[in-house]
């Protein structure tokens, strides 16, 4: 088959790594070098935000996505006391935060919701009282929703480049834009929201449990999160799910070709790993010492690496040989400072030859 030779310097520099087996321990230094992006979540109420888009072609060309700076609205600013746009969900009676959190209408919707085809419920993330916050937050929708419908949210996510997870929930909001001084109290409305993310979110991301605007308490109920498996990549067979484990090939075989970690602005996208794998092979062929001696990248593992269940970083590991699930034995490690590094959303692909 033909190997691409048109990929950029960023990938070429990675491809130029020494063609020898390396230790397969987690590269703590590489992880720590990644700038941590503050978590972002769907803002309370309604807001007009710049929509984060993901250009896969640019990501492959640069090996990183364009910088994302999700808006972080100043929720302490004075409101206008004017009416907010209408809600799209049932209003709780009596109109209190505690009644909202205990309303069986919301919990019933969340507990009975089925995962859309091709998607699966995030482990432990069902009927929570918190929405997700992550550095990979893209945007949210509300006004276009008419019911608590994960299928509609999954279709919206699938239409957004780089979107791999979504969170659907009920939010108690004030009917007016409250002000701490002039209009601190308000009756409530209910919004059904879906927020979208460019990485596999986990239950550890369920950190937005509401806040006060004026004296009104915004709270969350019926919060479910879903993620999808990555798509097939032309020229590769896969994906094969390894869950929260990554490949640990026998060191004696010398098949490991190194790993690559990406900035948090890079969504989970195995196609980026595939491009790097091909370019690594192309470089080795161009510089082989004798015909047929080049090490060929035939297999990679694309996963998300966490430190203490936080700060997800997209990671690719490359091999000259295909390995099946029995070799997925790396479930995480501790560094010398006793930080726990773990893996999630691990999928492998094999080069078609």
Protein backbone atom coordinates (compact mmCIF):
# COMPACT_ATOMS: atom_id res chain seq x y z
CA UNK A 1 0.00 0.00 0.00
CA UNK A 2 1.01 3.68 -0.28
CA UNK A 3 2.05 5.67 2.73
CA UNK A 4 1.36 9.40 2.94
CA UNK A 5 4.40 11.67 2.76
CA UNK A 6 2.49 14.95 2.82
CA UNK A 7 1.91 15.34 6.55
CA UNK A 8 3.32 18.30 8.44
CA UNK A 9 6.48 18.94 10.39
CA UNK A 10 4.73 18.32 13.70
CA UNK A 11 3.93 14.76 12.66
CA UNK A 12 7.24 14.29 10.89
CA UNK A 13 9.17 15.21 14.00
CA UNK A 14 7.17 12.59 15.84
CA UNK A 15 7.86 10.06 13.10
CA UNK A 16 11.57 10.69 13.45
CA UNK A 17 11.68 9.13 16.90
CA UNK A 18 14.39 6.50 17.26
CA UNK A 19 13.17 3.21 15.76
CA UNK A 20 13.78 1.12 18.85
CA UNK A 21 11.53 -0.35 21.49
CA UNK A 22 10.80 1.98 24.39
CA UNK A 23 9.42 1.35 27.88
CA UNK A 24 5.63 1.22 27.86
CA UNK A 25 5.17 2.90 31.22
CA UNK A 26 2.97 5.98 31.18
CA UNK A 27 5.00 8.98 30.08
CA UNK A 28 4.38 11.16 33.13
CA UNK A 29 6.63 13.96 31.87
CA UNK A 30 4.77 14.22 28.56
CA UNK A 31 1.46 14.40 30.39
CA UNK A 32 2.68 17.04 32.82
CA UNK A 33 3.90 19.19 29.93
CA UNK A 34 0.34 19.59 28.65
CA UNK A 35 -1.29 22.88 29.61
CA UNK A 36 -4.38 22.23 31.72
CA UNK A 37 -7.43 23.97 30.28
CA UNK A 38 -10.09 25.06 32.82
CA UNK A 39 -13.24 22.96 32.70
CA UNK A 40 -16.23 24.57 30.99
CA UNK A 41 -19.90 23.69 31.11
CA UNK A 42 -23.20 24.88 29.70
CA UNK A 43 -23.99 28.29 31.25
CA UNK A 44 -27.09 28.69 33.39
CA UNK A 45 -30.15 30.17 31.73
CA UNK A 46 -29.67 31.18 28.12
CA UNK A 47 -26.55 32.68 26.58
CA UNK A 48 -25.10 33.38 23.18
CA UNK A 49 -21.68 31.75 23.07
CA UNK A 50 -19.08 31.33 20.37
CA UNK A 51 -19.53 27.78 19.07
CA UNK A 52 -16.42 25.65 19.26
CA UNK A 53 -15.77 23.83 15.99
CA UNK A 54 -13.27 21.11 15.25
CA UNK A 55 -11.46 20.99 11.92
CA UNK A 56 -10.11 17.45 11.60
CA UNK A 57 -7.97 18.32 8.59
CA UNK A 58 -6.21 21.09 10.51
CA UNK A 59 -5.81 18.82 13.51
CA UNK A 60 -4.08 16.22 11.38
CA UNK A 61 -1.93 18.87 9.73
CA UNK A 62 -0.87 20.42 13.03
CA UNK A 63 -1.29 17.39 15.32
CA UNK A 64 -3.26 19.64 17.60
CA UNK A 65 -6.66 21.28 17.27
CA UNK A 66 -7.11 25.04 17.16
CA UNK A 67 -7.08 26.68 20.58
CA UNK A 68 -10.43 26.63 22.33
CA UNK A 69 -11.33 29.29 24.82
CA UNK A 70 -14.87 28.48 25.94
CA UNK A 71 -16.70 31.44 27.37
CA UNK A 72 -16.95 31.48 31.14
CA UNK A 73 -19.86 33.84 31.80
CA UNK A 74 -19.63 36.12 34.80
CA UNK A 75 -22.67 34.87 36.64
CA UNK A 76 -22.39 37.52 39.35
CA UNK A 77 -23.17 40.40 36.99
CA UNK A 78 -26.31 42.40 37.56
CA UNK A 79 -29.36 41.25 35.63
CA UNK A 80 -31.88 43.34 33.75
CA UNK A 81 -35.00 42.04 35.55
CA UNK A 82 -36.45 41.43 32.10
CA UNK A 83 -38.16 38.14 31.22
CA UNK A 84 -36.02 35.23 30.12
CA UNK A 85 -36.97 33.16 27.06
CA UNK A 86 -39.60 30.55 27.83
CA UNK A 87 -38.57 27.19 29.19
CA UNK A 88 -39.15 23.85 27.48
CA UNK A 89 -39.74 21.49 30.42
CA UNK A 90 -42.35 20.85 33.12
CA UNK A 91 -42.31 23.25 36.09
CA UNK A 92 -42.18 21.81 39.60
CA UNK A 93 -44.90 22.57 42.17
CA UNK A 94 -44.20 23.76 44.82
CA UNK A 95 -41.70 26.10 43.24
CA UNK A 96 -38.62 25.44 45.40
CA UNK A 97 -35.15 24.10 44.75
CA UNK A 98 -35.65 21.13 47.06
CA UNK A 99 -38.92 20.18 45.36
CA UNK A 100 -37.22 20.43 41.97
CA UNK A 101 -34.45 18.07 43.04
CA UNK A 102 -36.99 15.58 44.34
CA UNK A 103 -39.44 15.84 41.43
CA UNK A 104 -40.18 12.30 40.16
CA UNK A 105 -40.96 13.63 36.67
CA UNK A 106 -37.30 14.39 36.09
CA UNK A 107 -35.90 11.24 37.66
CA UNK A 108 -38.41 9.09 35.76
CA UNK A 109 -37.36 10.63 32.44
CA UNK A 110 -33.69 10.03 33.18
CA UNK A 111 -34.09 6.51 34.52
CA UNK A 112 -36.30 5.36 31.64
CA UNK A 113 -34.23 6.97 28.87
CA UNK A 114 -32.66 4.50 26.45
CA UNK A 115 -29.19 4.99 25.02
CA UNK A 116 -29.41 5.95 21.32
CA UNK A 117 -28.14 3.34 18.84
CA UNK A 118 -24.34 3.48 18.68
CA UNK A 119 -24.10 5.28 22.02
CA UNK A 120 -23.77 4.05 25.57
CA UNK A 121 -24.50 5.50 28.98
CA UNK A 122 -21.41 6.79 30.76
CA UNK A 123 -20.77 4.45 33.69
CA UNK A 124 -22.42 5.84 36.82
CA UNK A 125 -23.75 8.94 35.05
CA UNK A 126 -27.51 8.45 35.29
CA UNK A 127 -30.13 10.64 37.01
CA UNK A 128 -27.54 12.84 38.72
CA UNK A 129 -28.04 16.30 40.23
CA UNK A 130 -25.06 17.78 38.37
CA UNK A 131 -24.17 18.53 34.76
CA UNK A 132 -20.81 17.87 33.18
CA UNK A 133 -17.88 20.29 33.05
CA UNK A 134 -14.81 19.52 30.95
CA UNK A 135 -12.02 21.24 29.07
CA UNK A 136 -13.46 19.64 25.91
CA UNK A 137 -16.82 21.46 26.23
CA UNK A 138 -18.08 22.66 22.84
CA UNK A 139 -21.56 24.20 23.15
CA UNK A 140 -25.12 23.45 24.24
CA UNK A 141 -28.67 23.52 22.89
CA UNK A 142 -32.00 24.05 24.64
CA UNK A 143 -34.53 26.00 22.59
CA UNK A 144 -34.57 23.36 19.84
CA UNK A 145 -35.52 20.61 22.32
CA UNK A 146 -39.17 19.86 22.98
CA UNK A 147 -38.69 16.88 25.30
CA UNK A 148 -36.07 14.90 27.22
CA UNK A 149 -34.78 13.06 24.15
CA UNK A 150 -31.24 11.58 24.12
CA UNK A 151 -31.75 10.47 20.50
CA UNK A 152 -32.17 14.07 19.33
CA UNK A 153 -29.11 15.12 21.31
CA UNK A 154 -27.07 12.28 19.84
CA UNK A 155 -28.03 13.37 16.32
CA UNK A 156 -26.92 16.93 17.07
CA UNK A 157 -23.64 15.68 18.54
CA UNK A 158 -23.05 13.45 15.52
CA UNK A 159 -23.47 16.48 13.26
CA UNK A 160 -20.75 18.40 15.11
CA UNK A 161 -17.15 17.64 14.12
CA UNK A 162 -15.20 16.26 17.08
CA UNK A 163 -18.22 15.71 19.33
CA UNK A 164 -18.00 12.36 21.11
CA UNK A 165 -20.13 12.84 24.25
CA UNK A 166 -23.21 14.71 25.42
CA UNK A 167 -25.01 15.45 28.67
CA UNK A 168 -28.79 15.87 28.85
CA UNK A 169 -30.44 17.33 31.95
CA UNK A 170 -33.21 19.47 33.46
CA UNK A 171 -32.21 22.87 34.83
CA UNK A 172 -34.22 25.11 37.19
CA UNK A 173 -33.84 28.72 36.00
CA UNK A 174 -35.47 32.04 36.98
CA UNK A 175 -38.16 33.43 34.69
CA UNK A 176 -36.38 36.80 34.73
CA UNK A 177 -32.77 37.90 34.52
CA UNK A 178 -32.31 38.37 38.25
CA UNK A 179 -30.41 41.16 39.95
CA UNK A 180 -28.92 40.96 43.44
CA UNK A 181 -30.45 44.32 44.38
CA UNK A 182 -33.48 45.12 42.22
CA UNK A 183 -34.99 41.69 41.53
CA UNK A 184 -33.18 38.97 43.51
CA UNK A 185 -36.20 36.64 43.70
CA UNK A 186 -38.02 34.94 40.86
CA UNK A 187 -40.44 32.22 40.00
CA UNK A 188 -38.89 29.35 38.08
CA UNK A 189 -38.99 27.79 34.66
CA UNK A 190 -37.45 24.51 33.55
CA UNK A 191 -35.02 24.10 30.69
CA UNK A 192 -34.07 20.81 29.09
CA UNK A 193 -30.49 21.14 27.90
CA UNK A 194 -27.93 19.12 26.02
CA UNK A 195 -24.26 20.05 26.29
CA UNK A 196 -21.64 18.65 23.93
CA UNK A 197 -18.03 17.58 24.46
CA UNK A 198 -15.04 16.63 22.36
CA UNK A 199 -13.84 13.84 24.64
CA UNK A 200 -15.28 10.91 26.54
CA UNK A 201 -16.67 12.42 29.73
CA UNK A 202 -16.91 10.41 32.95
CA UNK A 203 -18.93 10.62 36.15
CA UNK A 204 -16.00 12.56 37.64
CA UNK A 205 -16.95 15.41 35.29
CA UNK A 206 -20.35 15.81 36.96
CA UNK A 207 -19.26 18.86 38.95
CA UNK A 208 -21.77 21.57 38.03
CA UNK A 209 -24.47 21.15 40.67
CA UNK A 210 -25.93 24.64 40.26
CA UNK A 211 -25.42 28.07 41.78
CA UNK A 212 -27.20 31.21 42.92
CA UNK A 213 -28.16 34.09 40.67
CA UNK A 214 -29.47 36.81 42.94
CA UNK A 215 -31.23 34.80 45.62
CA UNK A 216 -32.55 32.30 43.10
CA UNK A 217 -31.04 28.82 43.32
CA UNK A 218 -30.29 27.20 39.97
CA UNK A 219 -30.17 23.40 40.34
CA UNK A 220 -29.87 20.37 38.06
CA UNK A 221 -31.91 17.15 37.94
CA UNK A 222 -32.22 14.06 35.75
CA UNK A 223 -28.72 14.42 34.35
CA UNK A 224 -27.55 11.60 32.06
CA UNK A 225 -24.37 11.45 29.96
CA UNK A 226 -23.68 9.38 26.85
CA UNK A 227 -20.63 8.70 24.74
CA UNK A 228 -20.08 6.91 21.45
CA UNK A 229 -17.47 4.60 20.06
CA UNK A 230 -15.14 6.11 17.44
CA UNK A 231 -15.80 5.59 13.75
CA UNK A 232 -13.96 3.30 11.30
CA UNK A 233 -10.90 4.81 9.58
CA UNK A 234 -10.18 4.10 5.89
CA UNK A 235 -7.12 1.88 5.56
CA UNK A 236 -7.47 0.46 9.08
CA UNK A 237 -9.53 -2.29 10.68
CA UNK A 238 -11.30 -1.29 13.88
CA UNK A 239 -12.15 0.10 16.26
CA UNK A 240 -11.78 -2.60 18.92
CA UNK A 241 -12.81 -1.48 22.39
CA UNK A 242 -10.48 -2.12 25.32
CA UNK A 243 -12.54 -0.18 27.87
CA UNK A 244 -10.29 1.37 30.53
CA UNK A 245 -7.22 -0.70 29.66
CA UNK A 246 -4.40 -0.05 27.20
CA UNK A 247 -2.05 -2.39 25.37
CA UNK A 248 1.11 -3.59 27.09
CA UNK A 249 3.09 -5.54 24.52
CA UNK A 250 5.83 -7.97 25.60
CA UNK A 251 9.01 -5.93 25.90
CA UNK A 252 11.02 -8.78 24.42
CA UNK A 253 9.21 -8.42 21.10
CA UNK A 254 10.43 -4.85 20.57
CA UNK A 255 7.21 -3.80 18.80
CA UNK A 256 6.45 -0.62 20.74
CA UNK A 257 7.12 2.53 18.71
CA UNK A 258 6.35 5.16 21.33
CA UNK A 259 3.35 7.28 22.28
CA UNK A 260 2.12 10.80 21.70
CA UNK A 261 0.09 13.06 24.02
CA UNK A 262 -1.90 16.02 22.75
CA UNK A 263 -3.04 19.35 24.21
CA UNK A 264 -6.41 19.31 25.94
CA UNK A 265 -7.79 21.33 23.05
CA UNK A 266 -7.48 18.23 20.85
CA UNK A 267 -10.72 16.21 20.82
CA UNK A 268 -10.63 12.44 20.91
CA UNK A 269 -9.93 11.60 17.26
CA UNK A 270 -8.20 8.32 16.29
CA UNK A 271 -7.82 9.64 12.73
CA UNK A 272 -5.02 11.84 14.06
CA UNK A 273 -3.28 8.71 15.42
CA UNK A 274 -3.76 7.01 12.05
CA UNK A 275 -2.13 9.91 10.19
CA UNK A 276 0.85 9.89 12.56
CA UNK A 277 1.16 6.11 12.25
CA UNK A 278 1.31 6.34 8.45
CA UNK A 279 3.82 9.17 8.50
CA UNK A 280 6.02 7.33 10.98
CA UNK A 281 6.15 4.41 8.56
CA UNK A 282 6.77 6.68 5.57
CA UNK A 283 9.71 8.34 7.31
CA UNK A 284 11.21 5.00 8.31
CA UNK A 285 10.94 3.72 4.74
CA UNK A 286 12.65 6.82 3.39
CA UNK A 287 15.52 6.32 5.83
CA UNK A 288 15.82 2.55 6.00
CA UNK A 289 19.38 1.21 6.14
CA UNK A 290 18.58 -1.66 3.76
CA UNK A 291 15.53 -2.63 1.70
CA UNK A 292 12.79 -4.06 3.89
CA UNK A 293 14.42 -3.05 7.17
CA UNK A 294 12.05 -0.18 7.99
CA UNK A 295 9.84 -0.55 11.04
CA UNK A 296 6.23 -0.30 9.91
CA UNK A 297 3.50 1.10 12.14
CA UNK A 298 0.75 -1.49 11.88
CA UNK A 299 -1.30 -0.88 14.99
CA UNK A 300 -2.21 1.88 17.41
CA UNK A 301 -4.17 2.36 20.63
CA UNK A 302 -6.11 5.64 20.96
CA UNK A 303 -7.21 6.47 24.50
CA UNK A 304 -7.73 9.22 27.05
CA UNK A 305 -5.30 9.51 29.94
CA UNK A 306 -6.43 10.94 33.28
CA UNK A 307 -4.50 12.15 36.31
CA UNK A 308 -6.38 11.54 39.55
CA UNK A 309 -9.60 11.17 37.49
CA UNK A 310 -9.22 14.70 36.10
CA UNK A 311 -7.69 16.62 33.18
CA UNK A 312 -8.24 14.22 30.23
CA UNK A 313 -5.47 14.11 27.63
CA UNK A 314 -5.86 12.39 24.25
CA UNK A 315 -3.04 9.87 23.72
CA UNK A 316 -1.90 7.53 20.93
CA UNK A 317 0.46 4.54 21.31
CA UNK A 318 2.02 2.90 18.25
CA UNK A 319 3.22 -0.66 17.49
CA UNK A 320 4.72 -2.67 14.65
CA UNK A 321 2.43 -5.60 15.43
CA UNK A 322 -1.24 -6.10 16.16
CA UNK A 323 -2.28 -7.07 19.69
CA UNK A 324 -5.66 -8.30 20.83
CA UNK A 325 -7.59 -7.64 24.06
CA UNK A 326 -5.60 -10.24 26.07
CA UNK A 327 -2.67 -7.79 25.92
CA UNK A 328 -4.78 -4.94 27.33
CA UNK A 329 -3.33 -5.24 30.81
CA UNK A 330 -2.34 -1.66 31.63
CA UNK A 331 -5.12 -0.27 33.80
CA UNK A 332 -3.09 2.65 35.10
CA UNK A 333 -0.05 3.54 37.15
CA UNK A 334 1.13 5.76 40.00
CA UNK A 335 3.93 8.25 39.55
CA UNK A 336 6.55 8.92 42.28
CA UNK A 337 4.31 11.65 43.74
CA UNK A 338 1.54 9.03 44.17
CA UNK A 339 -0.71 10.60 41.52
CA UNK A 340 -2.91 7.96 39.91
CA UNK A 341 -2.92 7.89 36.11
CA UNK A 342 -5.75 5.92 34.51
CA UNK A 343 -7.12 5.26 31.02
CA UNK A 344 -10.58 5.51 29.48
CA UNK A 345 -12.16 5.19 26.03
CA UNK A 346 -9.38 2.94 24.74
CA UNK A 347 -9.78 1.73 21.13
CA UNK A 348 -7.33 0.01 18.80
CA UNK A 349 -6.94 -0.01 15.02
CA UNK A 350 -4.95 -2.30 12.74
CA UNK A 351 -3.41 -1.24 9.43
CA UNK A 352 -4.93 -2.94 6.37
CA UNK A 353 -2.13 -4.56 4.32
